[in-house]
Amino acid sequence: EFLGEFISISESDHESGKEVEAEIKMAVHFYMQRRNNIPIITYDHKNTILMINGVDMMSDVRSNLTL
């Protein structure tokens, strides 16, 4: 699951009965990857959070910035 804003979208030509390729660029503000409904990676730009396997990789940064 992720939240963000689209920066650009480009698509290949549309032809009947053919697949359409699309390239999408996003500014992601929040991302969560789960396995068996357990969060493996959580990224939250607004709150300066990056958790990988339950370890908060940004806690020292937040402490130093007094967030």
C-alpha atoms as a PDB file:
ATOM      1  CA  GLU A   1       0.000   0.000   0.000  1.00  0.00           C
ATOM      2  CA  PHE A   2       1.292   3.462  -0.781  1.00  0.00           C
ATOM      3  CA  LEU A   3       0.173   7.078  -0.868  1.00  0.00           C
ATOM      4  CA  GLY A   4       1.639   9.899  -2.903  1.00  0.00           C
ATOM      5  CA  GLU A   5       1.277  12.204  -5.848  1.00  0.00           C
ATOM      6  CA  PHE A   6       1.731  11.411  -9.523  1.00  0.00           C
ATOM      7  CA  ILE A   7       4.601  13.332 -11.075  1.00  0.00           C
ATOM      8  CA  SER A   8       4.219  11.987 -14.604  1.00  0.00           C
ATOM      9  CA  ILE A   9       2.442   9.262 -16.559  1.00  0.00           C
ATOM     10  CA  SER A  10       3.438   8.157 -20.045  1.00  0.00           C
ATOM     11  CA  GLU A  11       1.715   5.406 -22.017  1.00  0.00           C
ATOM     12  CA  SER A  12       2.551   3.519 -25.180  1.00  0.00           C
ATOM     13  CA  ASP A  13       0.225   3.716 -28.179  1.00  0.00           C
ATOM     14  CA  HIS A  14      -3.140   2.039 -27.656  1.00  0.00           C
ATOM     15  CA  GLU A  15      -3.840  -0.771 -30.119  1.00  0.00           C
ATOM     16  CA  SER A  16      -6.912  -2.971 -30.014  1.00  0.00           C
ATOM     17  CA  GLY A  17      -6.176  -6.359 -28.442  1.00  0.00           C
ATOM     18  CA  LYS A  18      -2.636  -5.395 -27.380  1.00  0.00           C
ATOM     19  CA  GLU A  19      -1.147  -4.660 -23.982  1.00  0.00           C
ATOM     20  CA  VAL A  20      -0.450  -1.049 -23.125  1.00  0.00           C
ATOM     21  CA  GLU A  21       2.787  -0.167 -21.370  1.00  0.00           C
ATOM     22  CA  ALA A  22       2.784   2.700 -18.906  1.00  0.00           C
ATOM     23  CA  GLU A  23       5.544   4.439 -16.987  1.00  0.00           C
ATOM     24  CA  ILE A  24       4.417   6.171 -13.810  1.00  0.00           C
ATOM     25  CA  LYS A  25       6.568   8.377 -11.588  1.00  0.00           C
ATOM     26  CA  MET A  26       5.332   9.208  -8.090  1.00  0.00           C
ATOM     27  CA  ALA A  27       6.433  11.197  -5.080  1.00  0.00           C
ATOM     28  CA  VAL A  28       5.680   8.593  -2.404  1.00  0.00           C
ATOM     29  CA  HIS A  29       4.761   9.939   1.036  1.00  0.00           C
ATOM     30  CA  PHE A  30       3.808   6.630   2.655  1.00  0.00           C
ATOM     31  CA  TYR A  31       4.661   3.019   1.768  1.00  0.00           C
ATOM     32  CA  MET A  32       4.007  -0.246   3.581  1.00  0.00           C
ATOM     33  CA  GLN A  33       4.979  -3.739   2.469  1.00  0.00           C
ATOM     34  CA  ARG A  34       3.419  -6.655   4.336  1.00  0.00           C
ATOM     35  CA  ARG A  35       4.015 -10.389   4.404  1.00  0.00           C
ATOM     36  CA  ASN A  36       1.341 -12.554   6.030  1.00  0.00           C
ATOM     37  CA  ASN A  37      -0.296  -9.286   7.127  1.00  0.00           C
ATOM     38  CA  ILE A  38       2.840  -8.316   9.130  1.00  0.00           C
ATOM     39  CA  PRO A  39       4.523  -5.005   8.186  1.00  0.00           C
ATOM     40  CA  ILE A  40       8.013  -5.682   6.798  1.00  0.00           C
ATOM     41  CA  ILE A  41       8.797  -2.169   5.527  1.00  0.00           C
ATOM     42  CA  THR A  42       7.061   1.032   6.595  1.00  0.00           C
ATOM     43  CA  TYR A  43       8.107   4.408   5.165  1.00  0.00           C
ATOM     44  CA  ASP A  44       6.357   7.591   6.305  1.00  0.00           C
ATOM     45  CA  HIS A  45       8.001  10.741   4.959  1.00  0.00           C
ATOM     46  CA  LYS A  46       5.804  13.197   6.878  1.00  0.00           C
ATOM     47  CA  ASN A  47       6.623  11.643  10.259  1.00  0.00           C
ATOM     48  CA  THR A  48      10.263  10.710   9.423  1.00  0.00           C
ATOM     49  CA  ILE A  49       9.672   6.991   9.947  1.00  0.00           C
ATOM     50  CA  LEU A  50      11.491   4.128   8.255  1.00  0.00           C
ATOM     51  CA  MET A  51      10.859   0.769   9.893  1.00  0.00           C
ATOM     52  CA  ILE A  52      12.374  -2.419   8.530  1.00  0.00           C
ATOM     53  CA  ASN A  53      11.399  -5.695  10.211  1.00  0.00           C
ATOM     54  CA  GLY A  54      10.156  -3.748  13.243  1.00  0.00           C
ATOM     55  CA  VAL A  55      13.371  -1.718  13.671  1.00  0.00           C
ATOM     56  CA  ASP A  56      12.924   2.057  13.496  1.00  0.00           C
ATOM     57  CA  MET A  57      15.893   3.157  11.393  1.00  0.00           C
ATOM     58  CA  MET A  58      15.116   6.879  11.807  1.00  0.00           C
ATOM     59  CA  SER A  59      14.647   7.123  15.591  1.00  0.00           C
ATOM     60  CA  ASP A  60      18.092   8.704  16.130  1.00  0.00           C
ATOM     61  CA  VAL A  61      17.452  11.218  13.350  1.00  0.00           C
ATOM     62  CA  ARG A  62      14.120  12.217  14.915  1.00  0.00           C
ATOM     63  CA  SER A  63      15.795  12.541  18.320  1.00  0.00           C
ATOM     64  CA  ASN A  64      18.549  14.749  16.900  1.00  0.00           C
ATOM     65  CA  LEU A  65      15.956  16.929  15.179  1.00  0.00           C
ATOM     66  CA  THR A  66      13.784  16.920  18.326  1.00  0.00           C
ATOM     67  CA  LEU A  67      10.736  15.771  16.348  1.00  0.00           C
END
